[in-house]
C-alpha atoms as a PDB file:
ATOM      1  CA  UNK A   1     -35.132  78.800 -11.172  1.00  0.00           C
ATOM      2  CA  UNK A   2     -35.478  81.598  -8.273  1.00  0.00           C
ATOM      3  CA  UNK A   3     -38.094  80.201  -6.290  1.00  0.00           C
ATOM      4  CA  UNK A   4     -37.715  80.436  -2.585  1.00  0.00           C
ATOM      5  CA  UNK A   5     -38.170  78.284   0.383  1.00  0.00           C
ATOM      6  CA  UNK A   6     -41.627  77.248   1.491  1.00  0.00           C
ATOM      7  CA  UNK A   7     -41.600  78.573   5.018  1.00  0.00           C
ATOM      8  CA  UNK A   8     -44.182  75.913   6.221  1.00  0.00           C
ATOM      9  CA  UNK A   9     -47.375  75.683   8.746  1.00  0.00           C
ATOM     10  CA  UNK A  10     -47.497  77.905  11.896  1.00  0.00           C
ATOM     11  CA  UNK A  11     -45.119  80.587  10.696  1.00  0.00           C
ATOM     12  CA  UNK A  12     -47.890  83.213   9.461  1.00  0.00           C
ATOM     13  CA  UNK A  13     -48.204  81.417   6.068  1.00  0.00           C
ATOM     14  CA  UNK A  14     -51.185  78.700   6.931  1.00  0.00           C
ATOM     15  CA  UNK A  15     -52.687  79.559   3.487  1.00  0.00           C
ATOM     16  CA  UNK A  16     -50.830  77.175   1.172  1.00  0.00           C
ATOM     17  CA  UNK A  17     -52.379  79.156  -1.988  1.00  0.00           C
ATOM     18  CA  UNK A  18     -51.120  82.553  -1.088  1.00  0.00           C
ATOM     19  CA  UNK A  19     -47.822  81.808   0.271  1.00  0.00           C
ATOM     20  CA  UNK A  20     -46.918  79.491  -2.813  1.00  0.00           C
ATOM     21  CA  UNK A  21     -48.578  82.404  -5.002  1.00  0.00           C
ATOM     22  CA  UNK A  22     -46.132  84.945  -3.007  1.00  0.00           C
ATOM     23  CA  UNK A  23     -43.021  82.842  -3.859  1.00  0.00           C
ATOM     24  CA  UNK A  24     -44.218  82.595  -7.609  1.00  0.00           C
ATOM     25  CA  UNK A  25     -44.605  86.424  -8.055  1.00  0.00           C
ATOM     26  CA  UNK A  26     -41.252  86.817  -6.718  1.00  0.00           C
ATOM     27  CA  UNK A  27     -39.503  84.313  -8.690  1.00  0.00           C
ATOM     28  CA  UNK A  28     -40.827  86.265 -11.697  1.00  0.00           C
ATOM     29  CA  UNK A  29     -40.196  89.690 -10.397  1.00  0.00           C
ATOM     30  CA  UNK A  30     -43.269  91.215  -8.770  1.00  0.00           C
ATOM     31  CA  UNK A  31     -42.746  91.239  -5.228  1.00  0.00           C
ATOM     32  CA  UNK A  32     -46.177  91.040  -3.341  1.00  0.00           C
ATOM     33  CA  UNK A  33     -45.928  89.998   0.497  1.00  0.00           C
ATOM     34  CA  UNK A  34     -48.217  87.496   2.127  1.00  0.00           C
ATOM     35  CA  UNK A  35     -49.948  90.256   4.085  1.00  0.00           C
ATOM     36  CA  UNK A  36     -50.974  92.370   0.993  1.00  0.00           C
ATOM     37  CA  UNK A  37     -52.023  89.230  -0.940  1.00  0.00           C
ATOM     38  CA  UNK A  38     -54.388  88.044   1.686  1.00  0.00           C
ATOM     39  CA  UNK A  39     -55.417  91.893   2.512  1.00  0.00           C
ATOM     40  CA  UNK A  40     -56.446  92.792  -1.428  1.00  0.00           C
ATOM     41  CA  UNK A  41     -58.269  89.573  -1.878  1.00  0.00           C
ATOM     42  CA  UNK A  42     -60.450  89.669   1.179  1.00  0.00           C
ATOM     43  CA  UNK A  43     -59.344  86.432   2.321  1.00  0.00           C
ATOM     44  CA  UNK A  44     -57.608  88.331   5.248  1.00  0.00           C
ATOM     45  CA  UNK A  45     -61.360  89.096   6.251  1.00  0.00           C
ATOM     46  CA  UNK A  46     -63.366  85.946   5.252  1.00  0.00           C
ATOM     47  CA  UNK A  47     -65.014  83.424   7.064  1.00  0.00           C
ATOM     48  CA  UNK A  48     -67.137  80.672   5.603  1.00  0.00           C
ATOM     49  CA  UNK A  49     -68.587  77.381   6.740  1.00  0.00           C
ATOM     50  CA  UNK A  50     -69.958  74.808   4.343  1.00  0.00           C
ATOM     51  CA  UNK A  51     -73.511  74.173   5.697  1.00  0.00           C
ATOM     52  CA  UNK A  52     -74.210  70.506   4.562  1.00  0.00           C
ATOM     53  CA  UNK A  53     -71.044  68.891   5.683  1.00  0.00           C
ATOM     54  CA  UNK A  54     -67.612  69.438   7.607  1.00  0.00           C
ATOM     55  CA  UNK A  55     -65.149  70.696   5.025  1.00  0.00           C
ATOM     56  CA  UNK A  56     -61.462  71.137   5.109  1.00  0.00           C
ATOM     57  CA  UNK A  57     -61.577  73.250   2.028  1.00  0.00           C
ATOM     58  CA  UNK A  58     -63.634  76.402   4.074  1.00  0.00           C
ATOM     59  CA  UNK A  59     -60.251  78.848   4.226  1.00  0.00           C
ATOM     60  CA  UNK A  60     -59.464  77.513   0.777  1.00  0.00           C
ATOM     61  CA  UNK A  61     -59.492  80.943  -1.549  1.00  0.00           C
ATOM     62  CA  UNK A  62     -60.631  79.407  -4.479  1.00  0.00           C
ATOM     63  CA  UNK A  63     -63.692  77.350  -2.849  1.00  0.00           C
ATOM     64  CA  UNK A  64     -66.938  78.831  -2.107  1.00  0.00           C
ATOM     65  CA  UNK A  65     -67.260  82.288  -2.212  1.00  0.00           C
ATOM     66  CA  UNK A  66     -63.935  82.929  -4.134  1.00  0.00           C
ATOM     67  CA  UNK A  67     -61.832  85.703  -3.913  1.00  0.00           C
ATOM     68  CA  UNK A  68     -59.289  84.909  -6.975  1.00  0.00           C
ATOM     69  CA  UNK A  69     -60.983  87.461  -9.430  1.00  0.00           C
ATOM     70  CA  UNK A  70     -60.664  90.571  -6.914  1.00  0.00           C
ATOM     71  CA  UNK A  71     -57.044  89.083  -6.089  1.00  0.00           C
ATOM     72  CA  UNK A  72     -55.429  88.979  -9.518  1.00  0.00           C
ATOM     73  CA  UNK A  73     -57.270  92.100 -10.454  1.00  0.00           C
ATOM     74  CA  UNK A  74     -55.778  94.160  -7.769  1.00  0.00           C
ATOM     75  CA  UNK A  75     -52.457  92.660  -8.570  1.00  0.00           C
ATOM     76  CA  UNK A  76     -52.614  93.148 -12.760  1.00  0.00           C
ATOM     77  CA  UNK A  77     -52.209  89.090 -13.398  1.00  0.00           C
ATOM     78  CA  UNK A  78     -54.542  87.125 -15.619  1.00  0.00           C
ATOM     79  CA  UNK A  79     -55.225  83.601 -14.163  1.00  0.00           C
ATOM     80  CA  UNK A  80     -56.921  80.626 -15.685  1.00  0.00           C
ATOM     81  CA  UNK A  81     -57.926  77.902 -13.042  1.00  0.00           C
ATOM     82  CA  UNK A  82     -58.234  74.362 -14.280  1.00  0.00           C
ATOM     83  CA  UNK A  83     -60.037  71.172 -12.773  1.00  0.00           C
ATOM     84  CA  UNK A  84     -59.216  68.188 -14.354  1.00  0.00           C
ATOM     85  CA  UNK A  85     -59.490  64.476 -13.604  1.00  0.00           C
ATOM     86  CA  UNK A  86     -56.706  62.080 -14.326  1.00  0.00           C
ATOM     87  CA  UNK A  87     -58.989  59.448 -15.874  1.00  0.00           C
ATOM     88  CA  UNK A  88     -59.923  62.403 -18.361  1.00  0.00           C
ATOM     89  CA  UNK A  89     -57.502  61.516 -20.598  1.00  0.00           C
ATOM     90  CA  UNK A  90     -57.616  64.066 -23.199  1.00  0.00           C
ATOM     91  CA  UNK A  91     -58.116  66.750 -20.919  1.00  0.00           C
ATOM     92  CA  UNK A  92     -55.246  65.557 -18.604  1.00  0.00           C
ATOM     93  CA  UNK A  93     -53.093  65.278 -21.886  1.00  0.00           C
ATOM     94  CA  UNK A  94     -54.208  69.145 -22.670  1.00  0.00           C
ATOM     95  CA  UNK A  95     -53.356  70.068 -19.170  1.00  0.00           C
ATOM     96  CA  UNK A  96     -49.831  68.493 -19.213  1.00  0.00           C
ATOM     97  CA  UNK A  97     -49.497  70.462 -22.178  1.00  0.00           C
ATOM     98  CA  UNK A  98     -50.660  73.735 -20.955  1.00  0.00           C
ATOM     99  CA  UNK A  99     -48.214  73.250 -17.482  1.00  0.00           C
ATOM    100  CA  UNK A 100     -45.262  72.542 -19.522  1.00  0.00           C
ATOM    101  CA  UNK A 101     -45.779  75.473 -21.771  1.00  0.00           C
ATOM    102  CA  UNK A 102     -46.112  77.867 -18.770  1.00  0.00           C
ATOM    103  CA  UNK A 103     -42.868  76.419 -17.710  1.00  0.00           C
ATOM    104  CA  UNK A 104     -41.333  76.829 -20.835  1.00  0.00           C
ATOM    105  CA  UNK A 105     -42.226  80.488 -20.385  1.00  0.00           C
ATOM    106  CA  UNK A 106     -40.925  81.194 -17.365  1.00  0.00           C
ATOM    107  CA  UNK A 107     -44.152  81.140 -15.280  1.00  0.00           C
ATOM    108  CA  UNK A 108     -44.164  78.256 -12.643  1.00  0.00           C
ATOM    109  CA  UNK A 109     -47.630  76.559 -11.762  1.00  0.00           C
ATOM    110  CA  UNK A 110     -49.729  76.583  -8.881  1.00  0.00           C
ATOM    111  CA  UNK A 111     -51.335  73.198  -8.095  1.00  0.00           C
ATOM    112  CA  UNK A 112     -53.398  71.615  -5.353  1.00  0.00           C
ATOM    113  CA  UNK A 113     -52.269  67.881  -4.109  1.00  0.00           C
ATOM    114  CA  UNK A 114     -49.120  67.527  -6.062  1.00  0.00           C
ATOM    115  CA  UNK A 115     -47.705  66.342  -3.272  1.00  0.00           C
ATOM    116  CA  UNK A 116     -50.571  65.004  -1.077  1.00  0.00           C
ATOM    117  CA  UNK A 117     -52.230  65.723   1.473  1.00  0.00           C
ATOM    118  CA  UNK A 118     -54.436  68.493   0.003  1.00  0.00           C
ATOM    119  CA  UNK A 119     -52.361  71.317  -0.186  1.00  0.00           C
ATOM    120  CA  UNK A 120     -51.207  73.944  -2.684  1.00  0.00           C
ATOM    121  CA  UNK A 121     -47.791  73.954  -4.095  1.00  0.00           C
ATOM    122  CA  UNK A 122     -45.899  74.951  -7.029  1.00  0.00           C
ATOM    123  CA  UNK A 123     -45.380  72.864 -10.392  1.00  0.00           C
ATOM    124  CA  UNK A 124     -41.555  74.524 -10.958  1.00  0.00           C
ATOM    125  CA  UNK A 125     -40.438  72.073 -13.981  1.00  0.00           C
ATOM    126  CA  UNK A 126     -41.439  68.924 -15.915  1.00  0.00           C
ATOM    127  CA  UNK A 127     -39.415  65.528 -17.088  1.00  0.00           C
ATOM    128  CA  UNK A 128     -40.142  62.944 -19.587  1.00  0.00           C
ATOM    129  CA  UNK A 129     -42.445  65.165 -21.919  1.00  0.00           C
ATOM    130  CA  UNK A 130     -44.662  66.533 -19.288  1.00  0.00           C
ATOM    131  CA  UNK A 131     -45.389  63.230 -17.597  1.00  0.00           C
ATOM    132  CA  UNK A 132     -43.678  63.870 -14.392  1.00  0.00           C
ATOM    133  CA  UNK A 133     -43.313  67.474 -12.560  1.00  0.00           C
ATOM    134  CA  UNK A 134     -41.029  68.555 -10.248  1.00  0.00           C
ATOM    135  CA  UNK A 135     -42.509  70.892  -7.482  1.00  0.00           C
ATOM    136  CA  UNK A 136     -42.263  72.791  -4.145  1.00  0.00           C
ATOM    137  CA  UNK A 137     -44.509  71.764  -1.861  1.00  0.00           C
ATOM    138  CA  UNK A 138     -45.547  72.239   1.869  1.00  0.00           C
ATOM    139  CA  UNK A 139     -45.506  68.293   2.324  1.00  0.00           C
ATOM    140  CA  UNK A 140     -43.287  65.859   1.307  1.00  0.00           C
ATOM    141  CA  UNK A 141     -39.854  67.361   2.577  1.00  0.00           C
ATOM    142  CA  UNK A 142     -40.503  69.705  -0.360  1.00  0.00           C
ATOM    143  CA  UNK A 143     -40.387  72.748   1.128  1.00  0.00           C
ATOM    144  CA  UNK A 144     -36.622  74.148   0.347  1.00  0.00           C
ATOM    145  CA  UNK A 145     -35.915  71.843  -2.261  1.00  0.00           C
ATOM    146  CA  UNK A 146     -38.044  70.635  -5.709  1.00  0.00           C
ATOM    147  CA  UNK A 147     -39.389  67.035  -5.428  1.00  0.00           C
ATOM    148  CA  UNK A 148     -40.965  64.795  -7.682  1.00  0.00           C
ATOM    149  CA  UNK A 149     -44.749  65.095  -7.515  1.00  0.00           C
ATOM    150  CA  UNK A 150     -46.592  62.389  -6.257  1.00  0.00           C
ATOM    151  CA  UNK A 151     -50.353  63.475  -6.820  1.00  0.00           C
ATOM    152  CA  UNK A 152     -52.605  64.444  -9.376  1.00  0.00           C
ATOM    153  CA  UNK A 153     -53.606  67.783  -8.880  1.00  0.00           C
ATOM    154  CA  UNK A 154     -57.056  68.445  -7.889  1.00  0.00           C
ATOM    155  CA  UNK A 155     -56.609  72.373  -9.381  1.00  0.00           C
ATOM    156  CA  UNK A 156     -54.293  74.117 -11.406  1.00  0.00           C
ATOM    157  CA  UNK A 157     -53.686  77.952 -11.349  1.00  0.00           C
ATOM    158  CA  UNK A 158     -51.950  79.437 -14.724  1.00  0.00           C
ATOM    159  CA  UNK A 159     -50.978  83.087 -14.635  1.00  0.00           C
ATOM    160  CA  UNK A 160     -50.597  84.919 -17.992  1.00  0.00           C
ATOM    161  CA  UNK A 161     -47.924  87.383 -19.006  1.00  0.00           C
ATOM    162  CA  UNK A 162     -48.135  90.289 -16.329  1.00  0.00           C
ATOM    163  CA  UNK A 163     -49.850  93.305 -17.006  1.00  0.00           C
ATOM    164  CA  UNK A 164     -49.210  96.970 -15.055  1.00  0.00           C
ATOM    165  CA  UNK A 165     -50.167  96.495 -11.480  1.00  0.00           C
ATOM    166  CA  UNK A 166     -53.092  98.780 -10.680  1.00  0.00           C
ATOM    167  CA  UNK A 167     -52.186 101.567  -7.943  1.00  0.00           C
ATOM    168  CA  UNK A 168     -52.401  99.948  -4.632  1.00  0.00           C
ATOM    169  CA  UNK A 169     -54.233 102.831  -2.844  1.00  0.00           C
ATOM    170  CA  UNK A 170     -57.645 102.518  -4.681  1.00  0.00           C
ATOM    171  CA  UNK A 171     -57.199  98.722  -4.433  1.00  0.00           C
ATOM    172  CA  UNK A 172     -56.681  99.007  -0.478  1.00  0.00           C
ATOM    173  CA  UNK A 173     -60.096 100.983  -0.118  1.00  0.00           C
ATOM    174  CA  UNK A 174     -61.996  98.547  -2.331  1.00  0.00           C
ATOM    175  CA  UNK A 175     -60.392  96.063   0.096  1.00  0.00           C
ATOM    176  CA  UNK A 176     -62.030  97.600   3.181  1.00  0.00           C
ATOM    177  CA  UNK A 177     -65.309  97.917   1.538  1.00  0.00           C
ATOM    178  CA  UNK A 178     -65.201  94.005   0.628  1.00  0.00           C
ATOM    179  CA  UNK A 179     -64.101  93.178   4.313  1.00  0.00           C
ATOM    180  CA  UNK A 180     -67.257  95.028   5.436  1.00  0.00           C
ATOM    181  CA  UNK A 181     -69.475  93.317   2.633  1.00  0.00           C
ATOM    182  CA  UNK A 182     -68.013  89.702   3.309  1.00  0.00           C
ATOM    183  CA  UNK A 183     -68.695  90.023   7.040  1.00  0.00           C
ATOM    184  CA  UNK A 184     -72.402  91.150   6.410  1.00  0.00           C
ATOM    185  CA  UNK A 185     -73.255  88.258   3.586  1.00  0.00           C
ATOM    186  CA  UNK A 186     -75.112  85.857   5.391  1.00  0.00           C
ATOM    187  CA  UNK A 187     -74.314  83.017   2.634  1.00  0.00           C
ATOM    188  CA  UNK A 188     -72.795  82.305  -0.586  1.00  0.00           C
ATOM    189  CA  UNK A 189     -74.017  78.606  -2.442  1.00  0.00           C
ATOM    190  CA  UNK A 190     -73.302  75.629   0.044  1.00  0.00           C
ATOM    191  CA  UNK A 191     -71.526  78.356   2.573  1.00  0.00           C
ATOM    192  CA  UNK A 192     -72.833  80.147   5.399  1.00  0.00           C
ATOM    193  CA  UNK A 193     -70.639  83.456   5.576  1.00  0.00           C
ATOM    194  CA  UNK A 194     -69.443  86.460   7.549  1.00  0.00           C
ATOM    195  CA  UNK A 195     -71.386  86.322  10.973  1.00  0.00           C
ATOM    196  CA  UNK A 196     -73.539  83.767  10.138  1.00  0.00           C
ATOM    197  CA  UNK A 197     -70.549  81.407   9.418  1.00  0.00           C
ATOM    198  CA  UNK A 198     -69.807  81.602  13.249  1.00  0.00           C
ATOM    199  CA  UNK A 199     -73.286  80.888  14.316  1.00  0.00           C
ATOM    200  CA  UNK A 200     -73.538  77.920  11.959  1.00  0.00           C
ATOM    201  CA  UNK A 201     -69.808  76.519  12.779  1.00  0.00           C
ATOM    202  CA  UNK A 202     -71.356  76.550  16.295  1.00  0.00           C
ATOM    203  CA  UNK A 203     -74.328  74.984  15.719  1.00  0.00           C
ATOM    204  CA  UNK A 204     -72.728  72.058  13.718  1.00  0.00           C
ATOM    205  CA  UNK A 205     -70.196  71.830  16.741  1.00  0.00           C
ATOM    206  CA  UNK A 206     -73.105  71.279  18.994  1.00  0.00           C
ATOM    207  CA  UNK A 207     -74.368  68.175  16.714  1.00  0.00           C
ATOM    208  CA  UNK A 208     -71.081  66.874  16.138  1.00  0.00           C
ATOM    209  CA  UNK A 209     -71.037  63.319  16.965  1.00  0.00           C
ATOM    210  CA  UNK A 210     -68.295  61.320  15.508  1.00  0.00           C
ATOM    211  CA  UNK A 211     -64.320  61.860  14.361  1.00  0.00           C
ATOM    212  CA  UNK A 212     -65.163  63.233  11.200  1.00  0.00           C
ATOM    213  CA  UNK A 213     -65.317  66.758  12.365  1.00  0.00           C
ATOM    214  CA  UNK A 214     -61.918  66.941  13.952  1.00  0.00           C
ATOM    215  CA  UNK A 215     -59.801  67.968  11.009  1.00  0.00           C
ATOM    216  CA  UNK A 216     -62.121  70.141   9.301  1.00  0.00           C
ATOM    217  CA  UNK A 217     -62.717  71.583  12.345  1.00  0.00           C
ATOM    218  CA  UNK A 218     -59.348  72.116  13.250  1.00  0.00           C
ATOM    219  CA  UNK A 219     -57.995  73.441   9.877  1.00  0.00           C
ATOM    220  CA  UNK A 220     -61.223  75.702   9.648  1.00  0.00           C
ATOM    221  CA  UNK A 221     -59.924  77.253  12.896  1.00  0.00           C
ATOM    222  CA  UNK A 222     -56.214  77.339  12.244  1.00  0.00           C
ATOM    223  CA  UNK A 223     -57.201  79.289   8.976  1.00  0.00           C
ATOM    224  CA  UNK A 224     -59.201  81.449  10.861  1.00  0.00           C
ATOM    225  CA  UNK A 225     -56.082  82.365  13.043  1.00  0.00           C
ATOM    226  CA  UNK A 226     -54.065  82.717   9.866  1.00  0.00           C
ATOM    227  CA  UNK A 227     -56.353  84.963   8.419  1.00  0.00           C
ATOM    228  CA  UNK A 228     -56.888  87.528  11.275  1.00  0.00           C
ATOM    229  CA  UNK A 229     -53.249  87.749  11.854  1.00  0.00           C
ATOM    230  CA  UNK A 230     -52.744  88.580   8.054  1.00  0.00           C
ATOM    231  CA  UNK A 231     -55.388  91.055   8.554  1.00  0.00           C
ATOM    232  CA  UNK A 232     -53.655  92.616  11.306  1.00  0.00           C
ATOM    233  CA  UNK A 233     -50.548  93.304  10.018  1.00  0.00           C
ATOM    234  CA  UNK A 234     -52.291  94.444   6.518  1.00  0.00           C
ATOM    235  CA  UNK A 235     -54.247  97.108   8.413  1.00  0.00           C
ATOM    236  CA  UNK A 236     -51.560  98.810  10.089  1.00  0.00           C
ATOM    237  CA  UNK A 237     -49.474  98.611   6.882  1.00  0.00           C
ATOM    238  CA  UNK A 238     -52.175 100.748   5.252  1.00  0.00           C
ATOM    239  CA  UNK A 239     -53.451 102.900   7.730  1.00  0.00           C
ATOM    240  CA  UNK A 240     -51.566 106.122   6.737  1.00  0.00           C
ATOM    241  CA  UNK A 241     -53.259 106.260   3.535  1.00  0.00           C
ATOM    242  CA  UNK A 242     -56.706 106.955   5.214  1.00  0.00           C
ATOM    243  CA  UNK A 243     -55.950 110.512   6.335  1.00  0.00           C
ATOM    244  CA  UNK A 244     -58.119 111.132   8.997  1.00  0.00           C
ATOM    245  CA  UNK A 245     -59.610 107.792   9.039  1.00  0.00           C
ATOM    246  CA  UNK A 246     -56.399 106.321  10.167  1.00  0.00           C
ATOM    247  CA  UNK A 247     -57.493 106.189  13.528  1.00  0.00           C
ATOM    248  CA  UNK A 248     -60.530 103.918  12.655  1.00  0.00           C
ATOM    249  CA  UNK A 249     -58.355 101.407  10.489  1.00  0.00           C
ATOM    250  CA  UNK A 250     -55.903 101.043  13.390  1.00  0.00           C
ATOM    251  CA  UNK A 251     -58.494 100.569  15.747  1.00  0.00           C
ATOM    252  CA  UNK A 252     -59.951  97.596  13.426  1.00  0.00           C
ATOM    253  CA  UNK A 253     -56.539  96.036  13.561  1.00  0.00           C
ATOM    254  CA  UNK A 254     -56.596  96.214  17.428  1.00  0.00           C
ATOM    255  CA  UNK A 255     -59.700  94.426  17.437  1.00  0.00           C
ATOM    256  CA  UNK A 256     -58.712  91.375  14.906  1.00  0.00           C
ATOM    257  CA  UNK A 257     -55.757  91.347  17.218  1.00  0.00           C
ATOM    258  CA  UNK A 258     -57.628  90.726  20.306  1.00  0.00           C
ATOM    259  CA  UNK A 259     -59.514  88.446  17.933  1.00  0.00           C
ATOM    260  CA  UNK A 260     -56.355  86.486  17.102  1.00  0.00           C
ATOM    261  CA  UNK A 261     -55.268  86.168  20.691  1.00  0.00           C
ATOM    262  CA  UNK A 262     -58.753  84.726  21.749  1.00  0.00           C
ATOM    263  CA  UNK A 263     -58.624  82.148  19.243  1.00  0.00           C
ATOM    264  CA  UNK A 264     -54.997  81.249  19.828  1.00  0.00           C
ATOM    265  CA  UNK A 265     -55.787  81.320  23.932  1.00  0.00           C
ATOM    266  CA  UNK A 266     -58.646  78.516  23.059  1.00  0.00           C
ATOM    267  CA  UNK A 267     -56.443  76.570  20.327  1.00  0.00           C
ATOM    268  CA  UNK A 268     -55.934  73.610  23.190  1.00  0.00           C
ATOM    269  CA  UNK A 269     -59.648  73.120  22.970  1.00  0.00           C
ATOM    270  CA  UNK A 270     -59.905  72.337  19.190  1.00  0.00           C
ATOM    271  CA  UNK A 271     -57.718  69.118  18.727  1.00  0.00           C
ATOM    272  CA  UNK A 272     -56.294  67.929  15.498  1.00  0.00           C
ATOM    273  CA  UNK A 273     -57.603  64.322  14.296  1.00  0.00           C
ATOM    274  CA  UNK A 274     -53.967  62.955  14.890  1.00  0.00           C
ATOM    275  CA  UNK A 275     -53.798  64.851  18.368  1.00  0.00           C
ATOM    276  CA  UNK A 276     -56.781  63.305  19.597  1.00  0.00           C
ATOM    277  CA  UNK A 277     -57.352  59.569  20.116  1.00  0.00           C
ATOM    278  CA  UNK A 278     -60.967  59.479  21.711  1.00  0.00           C
ATOM    279  CA  UNK A 279     -64.001  58.595  19.144  1.00  0.00           C
ATOM    280  CA  UNK A 280     -65.124  62.037  19.456  1.00  0.00           C
ATOM    281  CA  UNK A 281     -64.375  65.487  20.442  1.00  0.00           C
ATOM    282  CA  UNK A 282     -65.542  65.552  23.894  1.00  0.00           C
ATOM    283  CA  UNK A 283     -68.864  67.846  24.738  1.00  0.00           C
ATOM    284  CA  UNK A 284     -66.823  69.926  27.070  1.00  0.00           C
ATOM    285  CA  UNK A 285     -64.254  70.656  24.621  1.00  0.00           C
ATOM    286  CA  UNK A 286     -66.650  71.539  21.959  1.00  0.00           C
ATOM    287  CA  UNK A 287     -68.601  73.910  24.188  1.00  0.00           C
ATOM    288  CA  UNK A 288     -65.269  75.510  25.151  1.00  0.00           C
ATOM    289  CA  UNK A 289     -64.391  76.090  21.701  1.00  0.00           C
ATOM    290  CA  UNK A 290     -67.893  77.266  21.164  1.00  0.00           C
ATOM    291  CA  UNK A 291     -67.777  80.101  23.965  1.00  0.00           C
ATOM    292  CA  UNK A 292     -64.345  81.119  22.054  1.00  0.00           C
ATOM    293  CA  UNK A 293     -66.105  81.494  18.302  1.00  0.00           C
ATOM    294  CA  UNK A 294     -68.557  83.952  20.297  1.00  0.00           C
ATOM    295  CA  UNK A 295     -65.691  85.755  21.390  1.00  0.00           C
ATOM    296  CA  UNK A 296     -64.012  86.213  18.417  1.00  0.00           C
ATOM    297  CA  UNK A 297     -67.479  87.076  16.752  1.00  0.00           C
ATOM    298  CA  UNK A 298     -68.023  89.679  19.001  1.00  0.00           C
ATOM    299  CA  UNK A 299     -64.620  91.248  18.292  1.00  0.00           C
ATOM    300  CA  UNK A 300     -65.051  90.888  14.612  1.00  0.00           C
ATOM    301  CA  UNK A 301     -67.997  92.954  15.227  1.00  0.00           C
ATOM    302  CA  UNK A 302     -66.461  95.814  16.310  1.00  0.00           C
ATOM    303  CA  UNK A 303     -63.495  95.288  13.998  1.00  0.00           C
ATOM    304  CA  UNK A 304     -66.323  95.881  11.223  1.00  0.00           C
ATOM    305  CA  UNK A 305     -67.905  98.664  12.797  1.00  0.00           C
ATOM    306  CA  UNK A 306     -64.582 100.316  12.871  1.00  0.00           C
ATOM    307  CA  UNK A 307     -63.759  99.502   9.424  1.00  0.00           C
ATOM    308  CA  UNK A 308     -67.358 100.599   8.249  1.00  0.00           C
ATOM    309  CA  UNK A 309     -66.467 104.269   9.752  1.00  0.00           C
ATOM    310  CA  UNK A 310     -63.251 104.237   7.772  1.00  0.00           C
ATOM    311  CA  UNK A 311     -65.171 103.730   4.425  1.00  0.00           C
END
């Protein structure tokens, strides 16, 4: 009980993990807003692009250079992330029991793909001894009311009883350092990160030759818009904590806001798979997207310079 409605896409809540976590925390009495979660985790400032293939998971906070550890440390919550395939019968049965126990203890469960496609949702209850779940999801008409899950979760995140939340102000200072470090880090595993991610993304666009890139390209782009919108709001919400360096925080927020506007202005050049019926994104559209990404990178360089001055 008490889980609020999911806002849905294009409503400043496009990171399905963070919005579902926001609703879960609210339901158990720890109200921490979306922008705060995006900020303290570092996701508001992260960009990563998988180098070996187009990947719809680029914006996912649990994928690649995961932000889950700093996120949950900053909000005083312990978590366990489980990835179990349905055909692994013993492990799947154990996962069902863990989910049921969490529900019995009053803690909803975050899960990806409970109603496909691959987005995060919230398991709110179970039926038939854990063999069927009810859930809240961005998909399947489940944003405002629980529906029966139709997919097997590709990942499940279970939280433990809450600890005292650390004082927010030191966590906000850490997030500024994390933002700078993320931008300056060039790679993490199979992902190009920070300024290098912009460069690699453009390189992949130059060589794209089929429709395969349309959906992951568009979703990575939308994820970047959402993240930088959150960064703008987050920085403005914490600026007063930085005393004489407040001006630098607000300057960074202004550059992220300019970056967001630039990306939104270029959104028409980034068609989704459903919007575009041709065999591939035209070279002209790809060139315009590359130009937009280079402008976004230049603005982000200036935002990071301001954040560095606030450290």
